[in-house]
């Protein structure tokens, strides 16, 4: 039973985009590893930007820095 956990920042991802992510990950596991799609679980966790670090700082700080440059 494959279990895949996808973590993304909460930045307006649509339900349709999430559905495509789940579909394509499930298809990849079936095609590459022969896993049964009915036994494949994909969980998408959306993380607030202030809870995600990037390049040694919070993503909110990083984005602010990018607009300053």
C-alpha atoms as a PDB file:
ATOM      1  CA  UNK A   1       0.000   0.000   0.000  1.00  0.00           C
ATOM      2  CA  UNK A   2       1.880   3.099  -1.155  1.00  0.00           C
ATOM      3  CA  UNK A   3       1.449   6.250   0.874  1.00  0.00           C
ATOM      4  CA  UNK A   4       2.695   9.538  -0.583  1.00  0.00           C
ATOM      5  CA  UNK A   5       2.693  12.786   1.389  1.00  0.00           C
ATOM      6  CA  UNK A   6       2.956  15.953  -0.699  1.00  0.00           C
ATOM      7  CA  UNK A   7       3.634  19.183   1.159  1.00  0.00           C
ATOM      8  CA  UNK A   8       3.008  22.475  -0.608  1.00  0.00           C
ATOM      9  CA  UNK A   9       2.657  26.046   0.504  1.00  0.00           C
ATOM     10  CA  UNK A  10      -0.873  27.350   0.814  1.00  0.00           C
ATOM     11  CA  UNK A  11      -0.848  29.685  -2.170  1.00  0.00           C
ATOM     12  CA  UNK A  12      -4.177  29.306  -3.931  1.00  0.00           C
ATOM     13  CA  UNK A  13      -3.829  25.813  -5.345  1.00  0.00           C
ATOM     14  CA  UNK A  14      -7.169  24.765  -6.806  1.00  0.00           C
ATOM     15  CA  UNK A  15      -9.065  21.543  -6.191  1.00  0.00           C
ATOM     16  CA  UNK A  16      -8.555  20.702  -9.868  1.00  0.00           C
ATOM     17  CA  UNK A  17      -4.775  21.062  -9.514  1.00  0.00           C
ATOM     18  CA  UNK A  18      -4.772  18.872  -6.400  1.00  0.00           C
ATOM     19  CA  UNK A  19      -6.842  16.277  -8.231  1.00  0.00           C
ATOM     20  CA  UNK A  20      -4.312  16.243 -11.062  1.00  0.00           C
ATOM     21  CA  UNK A  21      -1.444  15.811  -8.578  1.00  0.00           C
ATOM     22  CA  UNK A  22      -3.170  12.819  -6.956  1.00  0.00           C
ATOM     23  CA  UNK A  23      -4.019  11.288 -10.347  1.00  0.00           C
ATOM     24  CA  UNK A  24      -0.531  11.638 -11.791  1.00  0.00           C
ATOM     25  CA  UNK A  25       1.296  10.395  -8.688  1.00  0.00           C
ATOM     26  CA  UNK A  26      -1.031   7.385  -8.561  1.00  0.00           C
ATOM     27  CA  UNK A  27      -0.460   6.701 -12.276  1.00  0.00           C
ATOM     28  CA  UNK A  28       3.314   6.973 -11.851  1.00  0.00           C
ATOM     29  CA  UNK A  29       3.344   4.439  -9.016  1.00  0.00           C
ATOM     30  CA  UNK A  30       1.204   2.087 -11.107  1.00  0.00           C
ATOM     31  CA  UNK A  31       3.323   2.511 -14.260  1.00  0.00           C
ATOM     32  CA  UNK A  32       6.787   2.423 -12.690  1.00  0.00           C
ATOM     33  CA  UNK A  33       6.330   0.097  -9.715  1.00  0.00           C
ATOM     34  CA  UNK A  34       3.221  -1.837 -10.698  1.00  0.00           C
ATOM     35  CA  UNK A  35       1.321  -0.611  -7.629  1.00  0.00           C
ATOM     36  CA  UNK A  36      -2.441  -1.066  -7.525  1.00  0.00           C
ATOM     37  CA  UNK A  37      -4.123   2.371  -7.760  1.00  0.00           C
ATOM     38  CA  UNK A  38      -6.898   1.154  -5.453  1.00  0.00           C
ATOM     39  CA  UNK A  39      -4.315   0.721  -2.697  1.00  0.00           C
ATOM     40  CA  UNK A  40      -2.444   3.975  -3.280  1.00  0.00           C
ATOM     41  CA  UNK A  41      -2.932   6.875  -0.869  1.00  0.00           C
ATOM     42  CA  UNK A  42      -1.832  10.433  -1.654  1.00  0.00           C
ATOM     43  CA  UNK A  43      -2.154  13.109   1.012  1.00  0.00           C
ATOM     44  CA  UNK A  44      -1.635  16.786   0.246  1.00  0.00           C
ATOM     45  CA  UNK A  45      -0.698  18.997   3.186  1.00  0.00           C
ATOM     46  CA  UNK A  46      -0.951  22.732   2.618  1.00  0.00           C
ATOM     47  CA  UNK A  47       1.417  24.690   4.829  1.00  0.00           C
ATOM     48  CA  UNK A  48       1.016  28.384   5.623  1.00  0.00           C
ATOM     49  CA  UNK A  49       3.878  30.469   4.217  1.00  0.00           C
ATOM     50  CA  UNK A  50       4.919  31.604   7.693  1.00  0.00           C
ATOM     51  CA  UNK A  51       5.427  27.919   8.605  1.00  0.00           C
ATOM     52  CA  UNK A  52       7.679  27.103   5.639  1.00  0.00           C
ATOM     53  CA  UNK A  53      11.375  27.903   5.611  1.00  0.00           C
ATOM     54  CA  UNK A  54      13.423  28.524   2.495  1.00  0.00           C
ATOM     55  CA  UNK A  55      17.007  29.674   2.032  1.00  0.00           C
ATOM     56  CA  UNK A  56      17.501  30.092   5.778  1.00  0.00           C
ATOM     57  CA  UNK A  57      14.398  32.217   6.396  1.00  0.00           C
ATOM     58  CA  UNK A  58      10.636  31.958   6.502  1.00  0.00           C
ATOM     59  CA  UNK A  59       9.053  32.011   3.074  1.00  0.00           C
ATOM     60  CA  UNK A  60       7.190  35.214   3.969  1.00  0.00           C
ATOM     61  CA  UNK A  61      10.535  36.877   4.740  1.00  0.00           C
ATOM     62  CA  UNK A  62      12.107  35.498   1.566  1.00  0.00           C
ATOM     63  CA  UNK A  63       9.235  36.834  -0.559  1.00  0.00           C
ATOM     64  CA  UNK A  64       9.540  40.275   1.062  1.00  0.00           C
ATOM     65  CA  UNK A  65      13.255  40.302   0.328  1.00  0.00           C
ATOM     66  CA  UNK A  66      12.591  39.454  -3.339  1.00  0.00           C
ATOM     67  CA  UNK A  67      10.262  42.437  -3.749  1.00  0.00           C
ATOM     68  CA  UNK A  68      12.929  44.735  -2.252  1.00  0.00           C
ATOM     69  CA  UNK A  69      15.568  43.754  -4.798  1.00  0.00           C
END
